[in-house]
């Protein structure tokens, strides 16, 4: 009896998409490294800038993060484990379902996993990785093996089905034990993969999937997706507001450096005694007090939602800018008083 693996290889000799997906994940990781990511583990800020899944960001009109997050990895080990799992199950699934159906299962499972992750984690975690999509692939492989079990040698079936089931169960168990593992994405991806394997059903010897089952799987997927979307926890803050604060704070810090350079130049001129007190006062007004006053007024108009991560830094900068403004104005006034006869 020909082995099931040989049957699949004859059915589809080249697993082009499995290889392509692995290459894409590796290339994205390499691009992230060039963009400042860390090799072993990248900070959440870098992941967010590349499209990781995060409640406030995703719900602030950036729903594309549900898709982009499945191509991001937080470090080399995370990438290596996912690529190994993708190669292990991907070549089987691609040969079982064909190129297009395999890709459909992969992408839909990744989206489903990231959606459940968003519901379960919401504002509390930044997530990314191909594991949700990979769990969907494992689910699809298990469904195919079960339906074709009569045509597979018993020992080979036990090995393939047992190994796939053990991987899924063990990984989920580890997810409850080891912190930082996105179990919601794993479980969501697996369940979505089960449904997608019915929708994109393929067969070798088993009977064709009845249409009512495929339609039922489509309707279930749609209804569950609607239910999950309606139960996503509301974001604690608007991501666009946070990005605005960060950009304006960064701009102020850059301007503050320029103001401090101007201050050193004014102090140097004062020590040389080449300018009058009135002129020094005017320079302080123009180069120190007015920029701080303008910055204070501009920063005061920014959103002051206390839930924004940068809210505390903004408050500190506002106090700093006001203090520097008042101190420079007082100094200019004293200089003018000294200039009077």
Protein backbone atom coordinates (compact mmCIF):
# COMPACT_ATOMS: atom_id res chain seq x y z
CA UNK A 1 0.00 0.00 0.00
CA UNK A 2 1.41 3.35 -1.04
CA UNK A 3 2.06 5.73 1.85
CA UNK A 4 -0.35 8.63 2.21
CA UNK A 5 2.54 11.10 2.08
CA UNK A 6 3.57 9.70 -1.34
CA UNK A 7 -0.03 9.97 -2.56
CA UNK A 8 -0.12 13.62 -1.57
CA UNK A 9 3.25 14.33 -3.18
CA UNK A 10 2.06 12.81 -6.45
CA UNK A 11 -1.12 14.87 -6.16
CA UNK A 12 0.85 18.13 -5.88
CA UNK A 13 4.65 17.86 -6.20
CA UNK A 14 5.47 21.53 -5.45
CA UNK A 15 4.37 23.37 -2.31
CA UNK A 16 5.03 26.82 -3.75
CA UNK A 17 2.82 28.82 -1.41
CA UNK A 18 4.16 27.20 1.76
CA UNK A 19 7.67 28.16 0.73
CA UNK A 20 6.52 31.64 -0.33
CA UNK A 21 4.79 32.30 3.01
CA UNK A 22 7.92 31.28 4.90
CA UNK A 23 10.04 33.57 2.72
CA UNK A 24 7.62 36.47 3.25
CA UNK A 25 7.76 36.04 7.04
CA UNK A 26 11.56 35.92 6.97
CA UNK A 27 11.81 38.97 4.69
CA UNK A 28 9.44 40.99 6.88
CA UNK A 29 11.53 40.10 9.93
CA UNK A 30 14.72 41.09 8.09
CA UNK A 31 13.14 44.42 7.08
CA UNK A 32 12.14 45.02 10.69
CA UNK A 33 15.72 44.37 11.82
CA UNK A 34 16.96 46.94 9.32
CA UNK A 35 14.28 49.32 10.64
CA UNK A 36 15.51 49.08 14.23
CA UNK A 37 13.86 45.92 15.60
CA UNK A 38 15.81 43.71 17.99
CA UNK A 39 16.97 40.24 17.00
CA UNK A 40 15.73 38.27 20.02
CA UNK A 41 12.79 40.37 21.13
CA UNK A 42 11.44 43.68 19.84
CA UNK A 43 9.65 46.29 21.98
CA UNK A 44 5.92 46.77 21.46
CA UNK A 45 6.49 50.20 19.92
CA UNK A 46 8.40 48.72 17.01
CA UNK A 47 5.81 46.01 16.48
CA UNK A 48 3.03 48.60 16.50
CA UNK A 49 4.79 50.71 13.91
CA UNK A 50 4.95 47.66 11.61
CA UNK A 51 1.27 46.75 12.01
CA UNK A 52 0.83 44.60 15.12
CA UNK A 53 -2.68 43.96 16.44
CA UNK A 54 -3.64 46.22 19.36
CA UNK A 55 -7.12 47.27 20.47
CA UNK A 56 -6.82 51.08 20.45
CA UNK A 57 -4.88 51.07 17.17
CA UNK A 58 -6.91 48.44 15.31
CA UNK A 59 -10.24 49.95 16.36
CA UNK A 60 -9.15 53.47 15.40
CA UNK A 61 -9.76 52.73 11.72
CA UNK A 62 -6.68 50.52 11.27
CA UNK A 63 -8.52 47.21 10.79
CA UNK A 64 -5.82 46.13 8.33
CA UNK A 65 -3.78 45.23 11.42
CA UNK A 66 -5.83 42.03 11.69
CA UNK A 67 -4.05 40.95 8.52
CA UNK A 68 -0.64 42.58 8.83
CA UNK A 69 -0.11 41.18 12.34
CA UNK A 70 0.08 37.62 11.00
CA UNK A 71 3.33 38.44 9.18
CA UNK A 72 5.11 40.03 12.16
CA UNK A 73 7.28 38.24 14.71
CA UNK A 74 8.64 39.49 18.01
CA UNK A 75 12.03 37.83 17.72
CA UNK A 76 14.17 35.25 15.96
CA UNK A 77 12.96 32.33 18.11
CA UNK A 78 9.33 33.30 17.55
CA UNK A 79 9.98 33.38 13.80
CA UNK A 80 11.93 30.11 13.73
CA UNK A 81 9.28 28.14 15.63
CA UNK A 82 6.47 29.45 13.44
CA UNK A 83 8.38 28.81 10.21
CA UNK A 84 9.11 25.24 11.31
CA UNK A 85 5.45 24.64 12.19
CA UNK A 86 4.34 26.23 8.91
CA UNK A 87 6.66 23.99 6.91
CA UNK A 88 5.58 20.91 8.87
CA UNK A 89 1.84 21.38 8.36
CA UNK A 90 1.86 23.68 5.33
CA UNK A 91 3.29 21.20 2.87
CA UNK A 92 0.65 18.66 3.88
CA UNK A 93 -2.22 21.15 3.77
CA UNK A 94 -1.18 22.64 0.43
CA UNK A 95 -1.05 19.18 -1.14
CA UNK A 96 -4.37 18.24 0.44
CA UNK A 97 -6.32 21.34 -0.56
CA UNK A 98 -4.40 22.79 -3.51
CA UNK A 99 -2.67 26.15 -3.76
CA UNK A 100 -5.65 28.53 -3.75
CA UNK A 101 -7.70 26.74 -1.07
CA UNK A 102 -4.64 26.38 1.14
CA UNK A 103 -3.97 30.11 0.92
CA UNK A 104 -7.61 30.84 1.68
CA UNK A 105 -7.53 28.66 4.81
CA UNK A 106 -4.26 30.24 5.93
CA UNK A 107 -5.42 33.84 5.57
CA UNK A 108 -8.92 33.31 6.97
CA UNK A 109 -7.50 31.43 9.96
CA UNK A 110 -5.01 34.21 10.62
CA UNK A 111 -7.77 36.81 10.53
CA UNK A 112 -10.01 34.72 12.77
CA UNK A 113 -7.23 34.17 15.28
CA UNK A 114 -6.36 37.86 15.42
CA UNK A 115 -10.02 38.80 15.78
CA UNK A 116 -10.49 36.52 18.79
CA UNK A 117 -7.21 37.84 20.21
CA UNK A 118 -8.59 41.37 19.91
CA UNK A 119 -11.75 40.34 21.76
CA UNK A 120 -9.90 38.53 24.55
CA UNK A 121 -6.97 40.92 25.00
CA UNK A 122 -8.33 44.24 23.75
CA UNK A 123 -6.33 47.03 25.34
CA UNK A 124 -4.00 44.82 27.35
CA UNK A 125 -1.58 43.36 24.78
CA UNK A 126 0.14 43.95 21.48
CA UNK A 127 0.01 40.77 19.40
CA UNK A 128 1.48 39.44 16.20
CA UNK A 129 2.74 36.28 14.56
CA UNK A 130 1.70 33.60 12.09
CA UNK A 131 0.61 31.13 14.76
CA UNK A 132 -3.12 31.78 14.39
CA UNK A 133 -2.91 31.04 10.67
CA UNK A 134 -0.68 28.00 11.34
CA UNK A 135 -3.15 26.61 13.87
CA UNK A 136 -5.83 26.93 11.20
CA UNK A 137 -3.62 24.91 8.85
CA UNK A 138 -3.18 22.20 11.47
CA UNK A 139 -6.94 22.08 11.95
CA UNK A 140 -7.46 21.71 8.21
CA UNK A 141 -4.90 18.88 8.07
CA UNK A 142 -6.64 17.04 10.91
CA UNK A 143 -10.04 17.38 9.23
CA UNK A 144 -8.64 16.06 5.93
CA UNK A 145 -6.90 13.13 7.66
CA UNK A 146 -10.06 12.20 9.54
CA UNK A 147 -12.16 12.21 6.40
CA UNK A 148 -9.57 10.13 4.52
CA UNK A 149 -8.77 7.78 7.41
CA UNK A 150 -10.22 4.72 5.62
CA UNK A 151 -7.67 5.15 2.81
CA UNK A 152 -4.65 5.63 5.09
CA UNK A 153 -2.68 2.82 6.70
CA UNK A 154 -3.67 2.64 10.36
CA UNK A 155 -0.14 3.19 11.66
CA UNK A 156 0.44 6.19 9.36
CA UNK A 157 -2.94 7.67 10.30
CA UNK A 158 -2.22 7.32 14.02
CA UNK A 159 1.16 8.98 13.56
CA UNK A 160 -0.05 11.88 11.43
CA UNK A 161 -3.30 12.54 13.28
CA UNK A 162 -1.76 11.95 16.70
CA UNK A 163 1.23 14.22 16.04
CA UNK A 164 -0.98 17.02 14.73
CA UNK A 165 -3.40 16.75 17.63
CA UNK A 166 -0.58 16.57 20.17
CA UNK A 167 1.02 19.71 18.72
CA UNK A 168 -2.23 21.67 18.94
CA UNK A 169 -3.09 20.51 22.47
CA UNK A 170 0.44 20.89 23.85
CA UNK A 171 0.84 24.40 22.41
CA UNK A 172 -2.46 25.56 23.88
CA UNK A 173 -1.55 24.06 27.28
CA UNK A 174 1.83 25.82 27.18
CA UNK A 175 -0.01 29.02 26.33
CA UNK A 176 -1.79 28.84 29.68
CA UNK A 177 1.47 28.16 31.52
CA UNK A 178 3.98 30.45 29.78
CA UNK A 179 3.18 34.19 29.88
CA UNK A 180 3.30 36.17 26.65
CA UNK A 181 1.77 33.48 24.40
CA UNK A 182 -1.35 34.62 22.55
CA UNK A 183 -3.56 31.59 23.18
CA UNK A 184 -6.63 33.40 21.91
CA UNK A 185 -5.04 33.68 18.46
CA UNK A 186 -4.15 29.97 18.55
CA UNK A 187 -7.64 28.87 19.53
CA UNK A 188 -9.34 31.33 17.19
CA UNK A 189 -7.13 30.26 14.31
CA UNK A 190 -7.80 26.57 14.99
CA UNK A 191 -11.58 26.99 15.11
CA UNK A 192 -11.54 29.15 11.99
CA UNK A 193 -9.36 26.54 10.27
CA UNK A 194 -11.92 23.85 11.09
CA UNK A 195 -14.68 25.91 9.49
CA UNK A 196 -12.51 26.90 6.52
CA UNK A 197 -11.58 23.26 5.85
CA UNK A 198 -15.29 22.52 5.44
CA UNK A 199 -15.82 25.56 3.22
CA UNK A 200 -12.80 24.71 1.02
CA UNK A 201 -13.24 20.95 1.36
CA UNK A 202 -11.19 18.68 -0.86
CA UNK A 203 -11.09 14.89 -1.05
CA UNK A 204 -9.15 11.97 -2.47
CA UNK A 205 -11.32 8.95 -1.64
CA UNK A 206 -13.87 10.34 0.83
CA UNK A 207 -17.25 11.48 -0.40
CA UNK A 208 -17.61 15.08 -1.49
CA UNK A 209 -18.58 17.43 1.33
CA UNK A 210 -22.37 17.95 1.23
CA UNK A 211 -23.31 21.46 0.16
CA UNK A 212 -25.39 22.02 3.29
CA UNK A 213 -22.29 21.55 5.44
CA UNK A 214 -20.27 24.03 3.40
CA UNK A 215 -23.11 26.58 3.49
CA UNK A 216 -23.50 25.98 7.22
CA UNK A 217 -19.79 26.59 7.76
CA UNK A 218 -19.96 29.84 5.78
CA UNK A 219 -22.96 31.08 7.77
CA UNK A 220 -21.35 30.04 11.06
CA UNK A 221 -18.16 31.89 10.16
CA UNK A 222 -20.10 35.04 9.28
CA UNK A 223 -22.31 34.93 12.40
CA UNK A 224 -19.40 34.23 14.76
CA UNK A 225 -17.40 37.04 13.15
CA UNK A 226 -20.28 39.48 13.64
CA UNK A 227 -20.65 38.34 17.26
CA UNK A 228 -16.91 38.82 17.91
CA UNK A 229 -16.84 42.25 16.27
CA UNK A 230 -19.73 43.37 18.47
CA UNK A 231 -17.95 42.12 21.59
CA UNK A 232 -14.56 43.73 21.07
CA UNK A 233 -13.78 45.68 24.26
CA UNK A 234 -14.02 49.44 23.67
CA UNK A 235 -10.59 51.06 23.40
CA UNK A 236 -9.35 52.98 26.43
CA UNK A 237 -8.17 55.78 24.18
CA UNK A 238 -7.89 56.79 20.53
CA UNK A 239 -4.67 55.62 18.95
CA UNK A 240 -4.63 58.62 16.60
CA UNK A 241 -4.67 60.91 19.67
CA UNK A 242 -1.71 59.05 21.13
CA UNK A 243 0.22 59.32 17.86
CA UNK A 244 -0.57 63.06 17.75
CA UNK A 245 0.76 63.51 21.28
CA UNK A 246 3.92 61.58 20.47
CA UNK A 247 4.62 63.61 17.35
CA UNK A 248 4.01 66.95 19.09
CA UNK A 249 6.08 65.95 22.12
CA UNK A 250 8.91 64.90 19.82
CA UNK A 251 8.66 68.21 17.96
CA UNK A 252 8.76 70.15 21.25
CA UNK A 253 11.82 68.25 22.50
CA UNK A 254 13.60 69.06 19.26
CA UNK A 255 12.59 72.74 19.56
CA UNK A 256 13.65 72.78 23.21
CA UNK A 257 17.18 71.81 22.19
CA UNK A 258 17.25 74.74 19.77
CA UNK A 259 15.96 77.11 22.48
CA UNK A 260 18.65 75.91 24.87
CA UNK A 261 21.30 76.57 22.25
CA UNK A 262 19.91 80.09 21.81
CA UNK A 263 20.03 80.53 25.58
CA UNK A 264 23.72 79.58 25.70
CA UNK A 265 24.47 82.03 22.89
CA UNK A 266 22.63 84.85 24.72
CA UNK A 267 24.48 84.10 27.95
CA UNK A 268 27.78 84.11 26.07
CA UNK A 269 27.00 87.52 24.53
CA UNK A 270 26.04 88.85 27.96
CA UNK A 271 29.32 87.74 29.49
CA UNK A 272 31.28 89.43 26.70
CA UNK A 273 29.52 92.71 27.49
CA UNK A 274 29.06 93.63 23.84
CA UNK A 275 25.29 94.09 24.06
CA UNK A 276 23.14 96.24 26.35
CA UNK A 277 20.72 94.92 28.94
CA UNK A 278 17.84 96.07 26.76
CA UNK A 279 19.20 94.11 23.80
CA UNK A 280 19.70 91.02 25.95
CA UNK A 281 16.13 91.34 27.23
CA UNK A 282 14.85 91.60 23.65
CA UNK A 283 16.83 88.51 22.61
CA UNK A 284 15.44 86.57 25.57
CA UNK A 285 11.88 87.59 24.65
CA UNK A 286 12.34 86.65 21.00
CA UNK A 287 14.41 83.47 21.33
CA UNK A 288 13.28 82.08 24.70
CA UNK A 289 10.01 83.42 26.12
CA UNK A 290 7.98 83.61 22.90
CA UNK A 291 8.89 80.09 21.64
CA UNK A 292 8.00 78.61 25.04
CA UNK A 293 4.74 80.53 25.11
CA UNK A 294 3.83 79.39 21.61
CA UNK A 295 4.71 75.79 22.47
CA UNK A 296 2.67 75.96 25.67
CA UNK A 297 -0.40 77.25 23.81
CA UNK A 298 -0.01 74.64 21.07
CA UNK A 299 0.51 71.73 23.46
CA UNK A 300 -2.40 72.87 25.64
CA UNK A 301 -4.77 72.29 22.72
CA UNK A 302 -3.80 68.60 22.45
CA UNK A 303 -6.11 65.86 23.81
CA UNK A 304 -5.57 65.53 27.56
CA UNK A 305 -7.20 62.13 28.03
CA UNK A 306 -5.53 60.67 31.16
CA UNK A 307 -5.72 57.18 29.65
CA UNK A 308 -3.35 58.15 26.84
CA UNK A 309 0.09 56.60 27.50
CA UNK A 310 1.79 59.93 26.76
CA UNK A 311 -0.62 62.01 28.86
CA UNK A 312 1.69 62.19 31.88
CA UNK A 313 4.65 63.20 29.74
CA UNK A 314 2.55 65.92 28.13
CA UNK A 315 1.55 67.27 31.53
CA UNK A 316 5.18 67.38 32.63
CA UNK A 317 6.19 69.17 29.45
CA UNK A 318 3.41 71.73 29.88
CA UNK A 319 4.61 72.50 33.40
CA UNK A 320 8.20 72.67 32.14
CA UNK A 321 7.33 75.00 29.24
CA UNK A 322 5.29 77.30 31.48
CA UNK A 323 8.06 77.42 34.08
CA UNK A 324 10.73 78.23 31.49
CA UNK A 325 8.48 80.87 29.92
CA UNK A 326 7.83 82.61 33.25
CA UNK A 327 11.49 82.40 34.31
CA UNK A 328 12.74 83.89 31.02
CA UNK A 329 10.15 86.69 31.17
CA UNK A 330 11.17 87.55 34.73
CA UNK A 331 14.83 87.64 33.72
CA UNK A 332 14.07 89.93 30.78
CA UNK A 333 12.16 92.30 33.08
CA UNK A 334 15.07 92.44 35.55
CA UNK A 335 17.46 93.23 32.72
CA UNK A 336 15.23 96.08 31.55
CA UNK A 337 15.05 97.44 35.07
CA UNK A 338 18.83 97.42 35.28
CA UNK A 339 19.03 99.21 31.96
CA UNK A 340 16.96 102.13 33.25
CA UNK A 341 19.02 105.15 34.47
